[in-house]
């Protein structure tokens, strides 16, 4: 029985026209393709993290501008702290922005045009930035709301 299996396996292997076996071809193809596939996977993971961080920053900027436009009694530091709390409490598990602080938030209240502008600038750290020789990508988001 063991000899029958071995004989079937031996017959099932393809042979080249000149009699050479091609049993290692699949392994060699995989050895060439695997690093490329791994690089693509790594790029997709970091790109997804960048998109997630951008969404978190956009939402925080909008919330800060909305609160500032509705309540003119809020100070610039109050609005900055609201934005910081919104970013840190975003609940996302893909990114960690523990170093986000009020220094990343700029609030401009323009009484002439009656607009509030909240700008967030953050250096987002990449996990696999060594591949493209960049450790950080600067994300900037801005929200403008009319004052009520």
N, C-alpha and C. Protein backbone atom coordinates (compact mmCIF):
# COMPACT_ATOMS: atom_id res chain seq x y z
N UNK A 1 0.82 -1.19 0.00
CA UNK A 1 0.00 0.00 0.00
C UNK A 1 0.87 1.25 0.00
N UNK A 2 1.89 1.27 0.81
CA UNK A 2 2.80 2.41 0.83
C UNK A 2 3.52 2.55 -0.50
N UNK A 3 3.86 1.43 -1.10
CA UNK A 3 4.51 1.48 -2.41
C UNK A 3 3.57 2.02 -3.47
N UNK A 4 2.28 1.68 -3.39
CA UNK A 4 1.31 2.20 -4.36
C UNK A 4 1.20 3.72 -4.26
N UNK A 5 1.16 4.25 -3.03
CA UNK A 5 1.09 5.70 -2.86
C UNK A 5 2.33 6.37 -3.41
N UNK A 6 3.49 5.80 -3.13
CA UNK A 6 4.73 6.37 -3.64
C UNK A 6 4.76 6.32 -5.16
N UNK A 7 4.29 5.26 -5.73
CA UNK A 7 4.28 5.14 -7.19
C UNK A 7 3.32 6.16 -7.81
N UNK A 8 2.15 6.36 -7.20
CA UNK A 8 1.22 7.37 -7.72
C UNK A 8 1.80 8.77 -7.59
N UNK A 9 2.47 9.04 -6.46
CA UNK A 9 3.07 10.34 -6.27
C UNK A 9 4.17 10.57 -7.30
N UNK A 10 4.96 9.56 -7.56
CA UNK A 10 6.05 9.66 -8.53
C UNK A 10 5.49 9.92 -9.92
N UNK A 11 4.38 9.26 -10.27
CA UNK A 11 3.77 9.45 -11.59
C UNK A 11 3.09 10.82 -11.69
N UNK A 12 2.58 11.33 -10.56
CA UNK A 12 1.83 12.58 -10.60
C UNK A 12 2.72 13.80 -10.80
N UNK A 13 3.99 13.70 -10.48
CA UNK A 13 4.88 14.84 -10.68
C UNK A 13 5.08 15.08 -12.16
N UNK A 14 5.06 16.34 -12.52
CA UNK A 14 5.21 16.68 -13.93
C UNK A 14 6.67 16.54 -14.34
N UNK A 15 6.84 16.19 -15.56
CA UNK A 15 8.19 16.11 -16.11
C UNK A 15 8.30 17.07 -17.29
N UNK A 16 9.44 17.69 -17.37
CA UNK A 16 9.73 18.57 -18.49
C UNK A 16 9.93 17.69 -19.72
N UNK A 17 9.91 18.29 -20.90
CA UNK A 17 10.03 17.50 -22.12
C UNK A 17 11.35 16.74 -22.20
N UNK A 18 12.40 17.31 -21.63
CA UNK A 18 13.68 16.59 -21.68
C UNK A 18 13.89 15.68 -20.48
N UNK A 19 12.84 15.47 -19.68
CA UNK A 19 12.92 14.49 -18.60
C UNK A 19 13.19 15.08 -17.22
N UNK A 20 13.43 16.39 -17.11
CA UNK A 20 13.70 16.98 -15.80
C UNK A 20 12.40 17.16 -15.02
N UNK A 21 12.48 17.03 -13.70
CA UNK A 21 11.31 17.22 -12.85
C UNK A 21 11.14 18.69 -12.52
N UNK A 22 9.90 19.12 -12.35
CA UNK A 22 9.60 20.51 -12.03
C UNK A 22 8.94 20.63 -10.65
N UNK A 23 9.30 19.80 -9.73
CA UNK A 23 8.64 19.81 -8.42
C UNK A 23 9.00 21.03 -7.59
N UNK A 24 10.10 21.69 -7.82
CA UNK A 24 10.51 22.85 -7.02
C UNK A 24 10.06 24.17 -7.60
N UNK A 25 9.36 24.16 -8.71
CA UNK A 25 8.95 25.39 -9.37
C UNK A 25 8.00 26.20 -8.49
N UNK A 26 7.04 25.56 -7.89
CA UNK A 26 6.07 26.27 -7.05
C UNK A 26 6.74 26.93 -5.86
N UNK A 27 7.67 26.24 -5.26
CA UNK A 27 8.39 26.79 -4.11
C UNK A 27 9.21 28.01 -4.51
N UNK A 28 9.84 27.95 -5.66
CA UNK A 28 10.63 29.08 -6.13
C UNK A 28 9.74 30.28 -6.47
N UNK A 29 8.61 30.03 -7.09
CA UNK A 29 7.68 31.12 -7.40
C UNK A 29 7.17 31.78 -6.13
N UNK A 30 6.88 30.98 -5.13
CA UNK A 30 6.41 31.53 -3.86
C UNK A 30 7.52 32.33 -3.18
N UNK A 31 8.75 31.88 -3.29
CA UNK A 31 9.88 32.60 -2.69
C UNK A 31 10.04 33.98 -3.32
N UNK A 32 9.76 34.09 -4.60
CA UNK A 32 9.84 35.39 -5.26
C UNK A 32 8.62 36.27 -4.96
N UNK A 33 7.46 35.69 -4.88
CA UNK A 33 6.22 36.47 -4.71
C UNK A 33 5.97 36.88 -3.27
N UNK A 34 6.41 36.10 -2.30
CA UNK A 34 6.10 36.35 -0.90
C UNK A 34 6.59 37.72 -0.40
N UNK A 35 7.81 38.14 -0.67
CA UNK A 35 8.23 39.47 -0.18
C UNK A 35 7.39 40.61 -0.77
N UNK A 36 6.99 40.48 -2.03
CA UNK A 36 6.17 41.51 -2.64
C UNK A 36 4.80 41.55 -1.97
N UNK A 37 4.21 40.40 -1.72
CA UNK A 37 2.91 40.34 -1.06
C UNK A 37 2.99 40.87 0.37
N UNK A 38 4.07 40.56 1.06
CA UNK A 38 4.25 41.06 2.43
C UNK A 38 4.40 42.58 2.43
N UNK A 39 5.13 43.13 1.48
CA UNK A 39 5.28 44.57 1.37
C UNK A 39 3.94 45.25 1.11
N UNK A 40 3.13 44.67 0.26
CA UNK A 40 1.79 45.22 0.00
C UNK A 40 0.93 45.19 1.25
N UNK A 41 0.99 44.11 2.00
CA UNK A 41 0.21 44.00 3.23
C UNK A 41 0.62 45.07 4.24
N UNK A 42 1.91 45.27 4.39
CA UNK A 42 2.43 46.28 5.32
C UNK A 42 1.97 47.67 4.89
N UNK A 43 2.01 47.95 3.60
CA UNK A 43 1.58 49.27 3.11
C UNK A 43 0.09 49.48 3.36
N UNK A 44 -0.71 48.46 3.18
CA UNK A 44 -2.15 48.57 3.41
C UNK A 44 -2.44 48.83 4.89
N UNK A 45 -1.72 48.18 5.78
CA UNK A 45 -1.94 48.38 7.22
C UNK A 45 -1.62 49.82 7.62
N UNK A 46 -0.47 50.34 7.20
CA UNK A 46 -0.12 51.71 7.56
C UNK A 46 -1.06 52.72 6.91
N UNK A 47 -1.48 52.46 5.68
CA UNK A 47 -2.41 53.36 5.01
C UNK A 47 -3.75 53.40 5.73
N UNK A 48 -4.20 52.26 6.21
CA UNK A 48 -5.47 52.21 6.96
C UNK A 48 -5.35 52.99 8.27
N UNK A 49 -4.20 52.91 8.91
CA UNK A 49 -3.99 53.66 10.15
C UNK A 49 -3.99 55.17 9.88
N UNK A 50 -3.41 55.58 8.75
CA UNK A 50 -3.39 57.00 8.39
C UNK A 50 -4.81 57.50 8.14
N UNK A 51 -5.59 56.72 7.43
CA UNK A 51 -6.98 57.11 7.17
C UNK A 51 -7.77 57.22 8.47
N UNK A 52 -7.58 56.26 9.36
CA UNK A 52 -8.28 56.29 10.65
C UNK A 52 -7.89 57.52 11.46
N UNK A 53 -6.61 57.84 11.50
CA UNK A 53 -6.16 59.03 12.24
C UNK A 53 -6.72 60.30 11.61
N UNK A 54 -6.80 60.33 10.29
CA UNK A 54 -7.36 61.49 9.62
C UNK A 54 -8.83 61.69 9.96
N UNK A 55 -9.57 60.61 10.04
CA UNK A 55 -10.98 60.69 10.41
C UNK A 55 -11.14 61.19 11.84
N UNK A 56 -10.32 60.68 12.74
CA UNK A 56 -10.38 61.12 14.15
C UNK A 56 -10.07 62.61 14.25
N UNK A 57 -9.03 63.07 13.55
CA UNK A 57 -8.66 64.49 13.61
C UNK A 57 -9.73 65.38 12.97
N UNK A 58 -10.32 64.93 11.88
CA UNK A 58 -11.38 65.70 11.23
C UNK A 58 -12.58 65.87 12.15
N UNK A 59 -13.00 64.78 12.77
CA UNK A 59 -14.14 64.85 13.68
C UNK A 59 -13.85 65.75 14.88
N UNK A 60 -12.64 65.68 15.41
CA UNK A 60 -12.29 66.51 16.55
C UNK A 60 -12.27 67.99 16.18
N UNK A 61 -11.74 68.30 15.01
CA UNK A 61 -11.71 69.70 14.56
C UNK A 61 -13.14 70.23 14.37
N UNK A 62 -14.00 69.43 13.78
CA UNK A 62 -15.39 69.84 13.60
C UNK A 62 -16.10 70.07 14.93
N UNK A 63 -15.89 69.17 15.87
CA UNK A 63 -16.53 69.31 17.18
C UNK A 63 -16.05 70.57 17.89
N UNK A 64 -14.74 70.82 17.85
CA UNK A 64 -14.21 72.02 18.49
C UNK A 64 -14.76 73.29 17.86
N UNK A 65 -14.82 73.32 16.53
CA UNK A 65 -15.36 74.50 15.85
C UNK A 65 -16.85 74.67 16.13
N UNK A 66 -17.57 73.56 16.20
CA UNK A 66 -19.00 73.65 16.48
C UNK A 66 -19.25 74.19 17.89
N UNK A 67 -18.52 73.65 18.88
CA UNK A 67 -18.70 74.15 20.25
C UNK A 67 -18.33 75.62 20.35
N UNK A 68 -17.26 76.03 19.67
CA UNK A 68 -16.83 77.42 19.73
C UNK A 68 -17.83 78.34 19.05
N UNK A 69 -18.47 77.87 17.98
CA UNK A 69 -19.43 78.73 17.27
C UNK A 69 -20.75 78.85 18.03
N UNK A 70 -21.10 77.85 18.79
CA UNK A 70 -22.37 77.88 19.52
C UNK A 70 -22.23 78.64 20.84
N UNK A 71 -21.10 78.48 21.52
CA UNK A 71 -20.90 79.09 22.84
C UNK A 71 -19.72 80.07 22.78
N UNK A 72 -19.97 81.35 22.56
CA UNK A 72 -18.87 82.32 22.46
C UNK A 72 -18.16 82.58 23.80
N UNK A 73 -18.72 82.07 24.89
CA UNK A 73 -18.09 82.28 26.20
C UNK A 73 -16.89 81.36 26.42
N UNK A 74 -16.74 80.34 25.56
CA UNK A 74 -15.61 79.41 25.70
C UNK A 74 -14.31 80.11 25.32
N UNK A 75 -13.28 79.85 26.10
CA UNK A 75 -11.97 80.42 25.78
C UNK A 75 -11.24 79.50 24.79
N UNK A 76 -10.15 80.01 24.25
CA UNK A 76 -9.36 79.23 23.30
C UNK A 76 -8.82 77.97 23.97
N UNK A 77 -8.38 78.08 25.21
CA UNK A 77 -7.85 76.90 25.91
C UNK A 77 -8.95 75.87 26.19
N UNK A 78 -10.18 76.34 26.43
CA UNK A 78 -11.30 75.41 26.62
C UNK A 78 -11.57 74.63 25.34
N UNK A 79 -11.55 75.33 24.22
CA UNK A 79 -11.79 74.66 22.93
C UNK A 79 -10.67 73.68 22.62
N UNK A 80 -9.42 74.09 22.88
CA UNK A 80 -8.28 73.19 22.66
C UNK A 80 -8.42 71.93 23.50
N UNK A 81 -8.81 72.10 24.75
CA UNK A 81 -8.96 70.94 25.62
C UNK A 81 -10.10 70.03 25.15
N UNK A 82 -11.18 70.60 24.63
CA UNK A 82 -12.26 69.79 24.07
C UNK A 82 -11.77 68.94 22.90
N UNK A 83 -10.98 69.57 22.05
CA UNK A 83 -10.44 68.85 20.89
C UNK A 83 -9.50 67.73 21.35
N UNK A 84 -8.64 68.03 22.31
CA UNK A 84 -7.72 67.01 22.83
C UNK A 84 -8.50 65.85 23.43
N UNK A 85 -9.52 66.16 24.23
CA UNK A 85 -10.34 65.10 24.84
C UNK A 85 -11.05 64.26 23.78
N UNK A 86 -11.49 64.93 22.72
CA UNK A 86 -12.18 64.21 21.64
C UNK A 86 -11.24 63.26 20.92
N UNK A 87 -10.01 63.70 20.68
CA UNK A 87 -9.02 62.83 20.00
C UNK A 87 -8.63 61.66 20.90
N UNK A 88 -8.32 61.95 22.14
CA UNK A 88 -7.87 60.89 23.04
C UNK A 88 -8.99 59.92 23.41
N UNK A 89 -10.22 60.37 23.37
CA UNK A 89 -11.34 59.51 23.72
C UNK A 89 -12.08 58.98 22.51
N UNK A 90 -11.41 58.94 21.37
CA UNK A 90 -12.09 58.56 20.13
C UNK A 90 -12.54 57.10 20.13
N UNK A 91 -11.90 56.27 20.93
CA UNK A 91 -12.31 54.87 21.01
C UNK A 91 -11.80 53.98 19.91
N UNK A 92 -10.93 54.50 19.05
CA UNK A 92 -10.39 53.66 17.99
C UNK A 92 -9.31 52.75 18.55
N UNK A 93 -9.24 51.56 18.03
CA UNK A 93 -8.22 50.63 18.51
C UNK A 93 -7.12 50.42 17.46
N UNK A 94 -7.18 51.14 16.35
CA UNK A 94 -6.17 51.00 15.31
C UNK A 94 -4.98 51.91 15.58
N UNK A 95 -5.26 53.09 16.09
CA UNK A 95 -4.19 54.07 16.28
C UNK A 95 -4.04 54.43 17.75
N UNK A 96 -2.85 54.86 18.09
CA UNK A 96 -2.59 55.36 19.44
C UNK A 96 -2.02 56.77 19.29
N UNK A 97 -2.72 57.73 19.81
CA UNK A 97 -2.28 59.11 19.73
C UNK A 97 -2.12 59.67 21.13
N UNK A 98 -1.41 58.94 21.98
CA UNK A 98 -1.25 59.33 23.38
C UNK A 98 -0.50 60.63 23.54
N UNK A 99 0.34 60.99 22.56
CA UNK A 99 1.14 62.21 22.66
C UNK A 99 0.42 63.44 22.11
N UNK A 100 -0.86 63.30 21.77
CA UNK A 100 -1.63 64.44 21.26
C UNK A 100 -1.90 65.41 22.39
N UNK A 101 -1.64 66.69 22.16
CA UNK A 101 -1.80 67.70 23.22
C UNK A 101 -2.38 68.98 22.64
N UNK A 102 -2.65 69.93 23.51
CA UNK A 102 -3.23 71.21 23.08
C UNK A 102 -2.29 71.97 22.15
N UNK A 103 -1.01 71.67 22.18
CA UNK A 103 -0.06 72.34 21.29
C UNK A 103 -0.32 71.97 19.83
N UNK A 104 -1.02 70.88 19.58
CA UNK A 104 -1.35 70.46 18.21
C UNK A 104 -2.57 71.18 17.66
N UNK A 105 -3.26 71.94 18.49
CA UNK A 105 -4.53 72.55 18.10
C UNK A 105 -4.39 74.07 18.05
N UNK A 106 -4.82 74.66 16.94
CA UNK A 106 -4.83 76.11 16.79
C UNK A 106 -6.28 76.56 16.63
N UNK A 107 -6.68 77.53 17.44
CA UNK A 107 -8.05 78.05 17.37
C UNK A 107 -7.99 79.53 17.05
N UNK A 108 -8.71 79.92 15.99
CA UNK A 108 -8.79 81.33 15.61
C UNK A 108 -10.25 81.74 15.61
N UNK A 109 -10.57 82.72 16.43
CA UNK A 109 -11.93 83.25 16.49
C UNK A 109 -11.89 84.63 15.84
N UNK A 110 -12.51 84.73 14.67
CA UNK A 110 -12.51 85.97 13.90
C UNK A 110 -13.86 86.66 14.10
N UNK A 111 -13.86 87.74 14.87
CA UNK A 111 -15.10 88.46 15.16
C UNK A 111 -15.57 89.31 13.99
N UNK A 112 -14.67 89.63 13.08
CA UNK A 112 -15.05 90.46 11.93
C UNK A 112 -15.88 89.64 10.95
N UNK A 113 -15.37 88.49 10.56
CA UNK A 113 -16.12 87.63 9.62
C UNK A 113 -17.06 86.68 10.35
N UNK A 114 -17.01 86.72 11.67
CA UNK A 114 -17.85 85.88 12.52
C UNK A 114 -17.70 84.40 12.19
N UNK A 115 -16.45 83.96 12.20
CA UNK A 115 -16.13 82.55 11.94
C UNK A 115 -15.16 82.05 12.99
N UNK A 116 -15.26 80.77 13.25
CA UNK A 116 -14.33 80.09 14.14
C UNK A 116 -13.58 79.07 13.30
N UNK A 117 -12.26 79.09 13.38
CA UNK A 117 -11.43 78.14 12.63
C UNK A 117 -10.61 77.32 13.62
N UNK A 118 -10.74 76.02 13.53
CA UNK A 118 -9.95 75.11 14.37
C UNK A 118 -9.05 74.31 13.43
N UNK A 119 -7.75 74.39 13.65
CA UNK A 119 -6.77 73.69 12.83
C UNK A 119 -5.99 72.72 13.72
N UNK A 120 -5.86 71.50 13.24
CA UNK A 120 -5.09 70.48 13.96
C UNK A 120 -3.94 70.04 13.08
N UNK A 121 -2.75 70.05 13.63
CA UNK A 121 -1.57 69.53 12.93
C UNK A 121 -0.93 68.48 13.83
N UNK A 122 -0.71 67.29 13.29
CA UNK A 122 -0.19 66.18 14.09
C UNK A 122 0.79 65.36 13.26
N UNK A 123 1.94 65.06 13.84
CA UNK A 123 2.91 64.18 13.19
C UNK A 123 2.57 62.74 13.56
N UNK A 124 2.00 62.03 12.60
CA UNK A 124 1.55 60.67 12.83
C UNK A 124 2.71 59.70 12.60
N UNK A 125 2.98 58.86 13.59
CA UNK A 125 4.11 57.92 13.50
C UNK A 125 3.68 56.66 12.75
N UNK A 126 4.46 56.30 11.74
CA UNK A 126 4.20 55.09 10.96
C UNK A 126 4.83 53.88 11.64
N UNK A 127 4.18 52.75 11.53
CA UNK A 127 4.76 51.51 12.05
C UNK A 127 5.87 51.01 11.13
N UNK A 128 5.62 51.10 9.84
CA UNK A 128 6.56 50.55 8.88
C UNK A 128 7.15 51.65 8.00
N UNK A 129 7.45 52.78 8.62
CA UNK A 129 7.99 53.91 7.88
C UNK A 129 9.40 53.71 7.37
N UNK A 130 10.11 52.76 7.93
CA UNK A 130 11.47 52.49 7.47
C UNK A 130 11.51 52.02 6.03
N UNK A 131 10.42 51.48 5.55
CA UNK A 131 10.37 51.01 4.17
C UNK A 131 10.44 52.19 3.20
N UNK A 132 9.77 53.29 3.53
CA UNK A 132 9.78 54.46 2.66
C UNK A 132 10.68 55.57 3.21
N UNK A 133 11.45 55.26 4.23
CA UNK A 133 12.41 56.18 4.84
C UNK A 133 11.73 57.42 5.43
N UNK A 134 10.56 57.24 6.02
CA UNK A 134 9.85 58.30 6.72
C UNK A 134 9.26 57.72 8.00
N UNK A 135 9.57 58.34 9.11
CA UNK A 135 9.01 57.87 10.37
C UNK A 135 7.66 58.49 10.66
N UNK A 136 7.43 59.70 10.15
CA UNK A 136 6.21 60.45 10.45
C UNK A 136 5.58 60.96 9.16
N UNK A 137 4.27 61.13 9.23
CA UNK A 137 3.52 61.83 8.19
C UNK A 137 2.71 62.91 8.90
N UNK A 138 2.82 64.14 8.41
CA UNK A 138 2.09 65.23 9.04
C UNK A 138 0.66 65.25 8.52
N UNK A 139 -0.27 65.14 9.45
CA UNK A 139 -1.69 65.22 9.13
C UNK A 139 -2.21 66.58 9.60
N UNK A 140 -2.87 67.30 8.73
CA UNK A 140 -3.43 68.60 9.07
C UNK A 140 -4.90 68.61 8.70
N UNK A 141 -5.73 68.98 9.63
CA UNK A 141 -7.17 69.08 9.39
C UNK A 141 -7.66 70.43 9.88
N UNK A 142 -8.65 70.97 9.18
CA UNK A 142 -9.17 72.28 9.53
C UNK A 142 -10.68 72.28 9.42
N UNK A 143 -11.33 72.96 10.35
CA UNK A 143 -12.78 73.10 10.33
C UNK A 143 -13.13 74.57 10.57
N UNK A 144 -14.04 75.09 9.75
CA UNK A 144 -14.48 76.48 9.85
C UNK A 144 -15.99 76.47 10.05
N UNK A 145 -16.45 77.19 11.07
CA UNK A 145 -17.89 77.27 11.36
C UNK A 145 -18.27 78.73 11.58
N UNK A 146 -19.46 79.11 11.12
CA UNK A 146 -19.94 80.47 11.39
C UNK A 146 -20.39 80.59 12.85
N UNK A 147 -20.19 81.74 13.42
CA UNK A 147 -20.61 81.97 14.80
C UNK A 147 -22.11 82.29 14.83
N UNK A 148 -22.80 81.74 15.82
CA UNK A 148 -24.23 81.97 15.95
C UNK A 148 -24.50 82.95 17.06
